[in-house]
Amino acid sequence: MIDKLAKLPGIGKKTAARLAFHILRSSQEDAQALVRSILRVKEKIGLCRICFNIAEGEMCTICRNPQRDRSILCVVEEPSDLMAIEASGVFKGHYHVLHGAIAPLDGIGPQELKITELLERLREGGVAEVIVATNPTVEGDSTSLYLAKVVKPLGITVTRIAQGIPAGGDIEYVDSKTMSKSLEGRREV
């Protein structure tokens, strides 16, 4: 069990051992409930056929919602990124989940991501702006540049989320890359 738990992202051997011993100490009912919930997720949860977010059924709740603004599409790397943006309660458009970022050293090119499906969606029309919300990493920046290169010829505005000092953060503790991005993304007051 420890070996299996250690395969989960962010779980090392020590944490896996703690989890395994916790499960061992738990009641039979709790252990069975955990097993049932894992199996239920594997049986019922898949990817939305439109945006590739996680979904129970063919479409996710966001794609089914007629109140969302279909003219703005936010492109993210992973479903967890989409969930973080949704938690802010600010964005009311639609999403497209790439399931990764371009990383040539890891053998991940545009063809391994959901970029072809994104371009098909955009060619259908109705989208005026694509917001690229990839991580501020070399891979995220590469993905952002690639998306701008392939989306702009379609006549669609491509924007990138702002990056910089977090609200409530102290300037003296900000790293140089974050400070650089903050200065580049400055706006008139």
Protein backbone atom coordinates (compact mmCIF):
# COMPACT_ATOMS: atom_id res chain seq x y z
CA MET A 1 0.00 0.00 0.00
CA ILE A 2 2.87 2.38 0.79
CA ASP A 3 4.36 1.86 -2.69
CA LYS A 4 0.98 2.55 -4.33
CA LEU A 5 0.32 5.67 -2.23
CA ALA A 6 3.84 6.98 -2.93
CA LYS A 7 2.98 7.05 -6.66
CA LEU A 8 0.47 9.84 -6.00
CA PRO A 9 1.78 13.33 -6.85
CA GLY A 10 3.28 15.14 -3.89
CA ILE A 11 3.31 12.01 -1.73
CA GLY A 12 6.72 10.74 -0.66
CA LYS A 13 7.54 7.51 1.16
CA LYS A 14 7.10 9.05 4.63
CA THR A 15 3.69 10.56 3.86
CA ALA A 16 2.65 7.34 2.11
CA ALA A 17 3.60 5.38 5.23
CA ARG A 18 1.60 7.76 7.45
CA LEU A 19 -1.43 7.41 5.18
CA ALA A 20 -1.10 3.62 5.07
CA PHE A 21 -0.91 3.37 8.87
CA HIS A 22 -3.89 5.72 9.19
CA ILE A 23 -5.92 3.51 6.85
CA LEU A 24 -4.77 0.44 8.78
CA ARG A 25 -5.99 1.99 12.06
CA SER A 26 -9.30 3.18 10.58
CA SER A 27 -12.50 1.19 10.80
CA GLN A 28 -13.48 -1.37 8.17
CA GLU A 29 -16.37 0.91 7.18
CA ASP A 30 -14.09 3.92 6.65
CA ALA A 31 -11.65 1.87 4.56
CA GLN A 32 -14.49 0.50 2.42
CA ALA A 33 -15.94 3.99 1.99
CA LEU A 34 -12.55 5.20 0.75
CA VAL A 35 -12.30 2.30 -1.72
CA ARG A 36 -15.88 2.94 -2.97
CA SER A 37 -15.21 6.65 -3.47
CA ILE A 38 -12.04 5.94 -5.47
CA LEU A 39 -13.86 3.40 -7.65
CA ARG A 40 -16.84 5.75 -8.11
CA VAL A 41 -14.53 8.53 -9.31
CA LYS A 42 -12.82 6.19 -11.79
CA GLU A 43 -16.19 4.94 -13.10
CA LYS A 44 -18.11 8.22 -13.31
CA ILE A 45 -15.60 11.01 -13.88
CA GLY A 46 -14.07 11.70 -17.28
CA LEU A 47 -13.19 14.67 -19.45
CA CYS A 48 -15.66 17.18 -20.85
CA ARG A 49 -15.96 16.68 -24.61
CA ILE A 50 -15.77 20.45 -25.16
CA CYS A 51 -13.19 21.94 -22.77
CA PHE A 52 -11.45 18.82 -21.35
CA ASN A 53 -12.18 19.80 -17.76
CA ILE A 54 -13.13 16.97 -15.42
CA ALA A 55 -16.80 16.08 -15.82
CA GLU A 56 -19.44 13.68 -14.68
CA GLY A 57 -21.03 12.88 -18.01
CA GLU A 58 -20.31 14.28 -21.46
CA MET A 59 -20.05 17.94 -20.47
CA CYS A 60 -18.80 19.78 -17.39
CA THR A 61 -21.03 22.12 -15.43
CA ILE A 62 -19.30 25.19 -16.89
CA CYS A 63 -19.88 24.18 -20.52
CA ARG A 64 -23.53 23.35 -19.70
CA ASN A 65 -24.13 26.75 -18.08
CA PRO A 66 -25.89 29.10 -20.55
CA GLN A 67 -25.12 32.11 -18.31
CA ARG A 68 -21.37 31.91 -19.02
CA ASP A 69 -19.82 34.28 -21.58
CA ARG A 70 -18.88 32.17 -24.62
CA SER A 71 -16.91 35.02 -26.23
CA ILE A 72 -14.05 34.74 -23.71
CA LEU A 73 -12.03 31.54 -23.43
CA CYS A 74 -9.45 31.04 -20.67
CA VAL A 75 -6.79 28.45 -21.54
CA VAL A 76 -5.22 26.65 -18.58
CA GLU A 77 -2.70 23.84 -18.18
CA GLU A 78 -4.64 21.58 -15.80
CA PRO A 79 -8.14 21.17 -14.31
CA SER A 80 -6.68 22.26 -10.95
CA ASP A 81 -5.77 25.63 -12.53
CA LEU A 82 -9.36 26.02 -13.73
CA MET A 83 -10.60 25.27 -10.21
CA ALA A 84 -8.29 27.93 -8.75
CA ILE A 85 -9.59 30.56 -11.18
CA GLU A 86 -13.20 29.53 -10.49
CA ALA A 87 -12.57 29.85 -6.75
CA SER A 88 -11.82 33.55 -7.28
CA GLY A 89 -15.40 34.05 -8.51
CA VAL A 90 -14.21 36.68 -10.99
CA PHE A 91 -14.08 34.91 -14.36
CA LYS A 92 -17.44 34.22 -16.04
CA GLY A 93 -16.30 32.95 -19.43
CA HIS A 94 -15.47 29.47 -20.68
CA TYR A 95 -12.29 27.41 -20.39
CA HIS A 96 -10.06 25.08 -22.36
CA VAL A 97 -7.76 22.67 -20.48
CA LEU A 98 -4.55 21.73 -22.30
CA HIS A 99 -3.51 18.94 -19.90
CA GLY A 100 0.07 20.12 -19.67
CA ALA A 101 2.49 22.62 -21.13
CA ILE A 102 4.99 22.48 -23.96
CA ALA A 103 8.19 20.95 -22.57
CA PRO A 104 10.51 19.74 -25.36
CA LEU A 105 13.09 18.36 -22.91
CA ASP A 106 10.36 16.08 -21.52
CA GLY A 107 9.16 15.11 -25.00
CA ILE A 108 5.96 17.19 -24.73
CA GLY A 109 5.18 19.16 -27.84
CA PRO A 110 1.97 20.86 -28.99
CA GLN A 111 0.66 17.57 -30.40
CA GLU A 112 0.64 15.99 -26.90
CA LEU A 113 -1.64 18.73 -25.59
CA LYS A 114 -5.26 19.65 -26.40
CA ILE A 115 -4.15 22.43 -28.77
CA THR A 116 -5.64 20.91 -31.93
CA GLU A 117 -8.99 20.71 -30.15
CA LEU A 118 -8.61 24.33 -29.02
CA LEU A 119 -8.03 25.50 -32.59
CA GLU A 120 -11.06 23.50 -33.78
CA ARG A 121 -13.17 25.24 -31.12
CA LEU A 122 -11.90 28.65 -32.14
CA ARG A 123 -12.56 28.03 -35.85
CA GLU A 124 -16.22 27.33 -35.00
CA GLY A 125 -16.50 31.05 -34.16
CA GLY A 126 -17.95 33.04 -31.31
CA VAL A 127 -14.73 33.53 -29.35
CA ALA A 128 -13.38 37.10 -29.36
CA GLU A 129 -10.62 36.72 -26.76
CA VAL A 130 -8.37 33.93 -25.56
CA ILE A 131 -6.84 34.49 -22.13
CA VAL A 132 -3.73 32.36 -21.68
CA ALA A 133 -3.46 31.42 -18.00
CA THR A 134 -0.45 29.13 -18.04
CA ASN A 135 2.01 28.97 -15.17
CA PRO A 136 4.85 31.54 -15.01
CA THR A 137 7.47 28.92 -15.86
CA VAL A 138 9.65 28.35 -18.91
CA GLU A 139 7.14 25.71 -20.10
CA GLY A 140 4.14 27.96 -19.39
CA ASP A 141 5.76 30.89 -21.17
CA SER A 142 6.65 28.69 -24.17
CA THR A 143 3.07 27.44 -24.32
CA SER A 144 1.78 31.01 -24.12
CA LEU A 145 4.01 32.16 -26.99
CA TYR A 146 3.05 29.15 -29.12
CA LEU A 147 -0.68 29.74 -28.51
CA ALA A 148 -0.35 33.42 -29.44
CA LYS A 149 1.42 32.39 -32.67
CA VAL A 150 -1.33 29.95 -33.74
CA VAL A 151 -4.39 31.83 -32.43
CA LYS A 152 -3.70 35.40 -33.60
CA PRO A 153 -3.98 34.50 -37.33
CA LEU A 154 -7.60 33.50 -36.59
CA GLY A 155 -8.37 37.16 -35.80
CA ILE A 156 -8.86 36.48 -32.09
CA THR A 157 -7.33 38.68 -29.38
CA VAL A 158 -4.81 36.79 -27.24
CA THR A 159 -4.02 38.05 -23.75
CA ARG A 160 -1.92 36.65 -20.90
CA ILE A 161 -2.83 36.83 -17.23
CA ALA A 162 -0.85 39.39 -15.25
CA GLN A 163 2.00 38.17 -13.11
CA GLY A 164 3.64 39.87 -10.20
CA ILE A 165 3.57 40.64 -6.52
CA PRO A 166 0.69 38.94 -4.71
CA ALA A 167 -1.83 41.08 -2.83
CA GLY A 168 -0.61 41.60 0.71
CA GLY A 169 2.95 40.66 -0.23
CA ASP A 170 6.03 42.62 0.83
CA ILE A 171 8.26 43.93 -1.95
CA GLU A 172 11.42 43.18 0.04
CA TYR A 173 10.62 39.43 -0.05
CA VAL A 174 9.77 39.19 -3.77
CA ASP A 175 12.17 37.30 -6.04
CA SER A 176 13.76 39.07 -9.01
CA LYS A 177 11.67 37.27 -11.69
CA THR A 178 8.41 38.21 -9.94
CA MET A 179 9.61 41.79 -9.55
CA SER A 180 10.53 41.90 -13.23
CA LYS A 181 7.08 40.61 -14.25
CA SER A 182 5.43 43.13 -11.90
CA LEU A 183 7.26 46.01 -13.53
CA GLU A 184 6.56 44.76 -17.05
CA GLY A 185 2.83 44.37 -16.32
CA ARG A 186 2.35 47.76 -14.70
CA ARG A 187 -0.76 49.81 -15.50
CA GLU A 188 -1.52 53.51 -15.40
CA VAL A 189 -3.10 54.70 -12.14
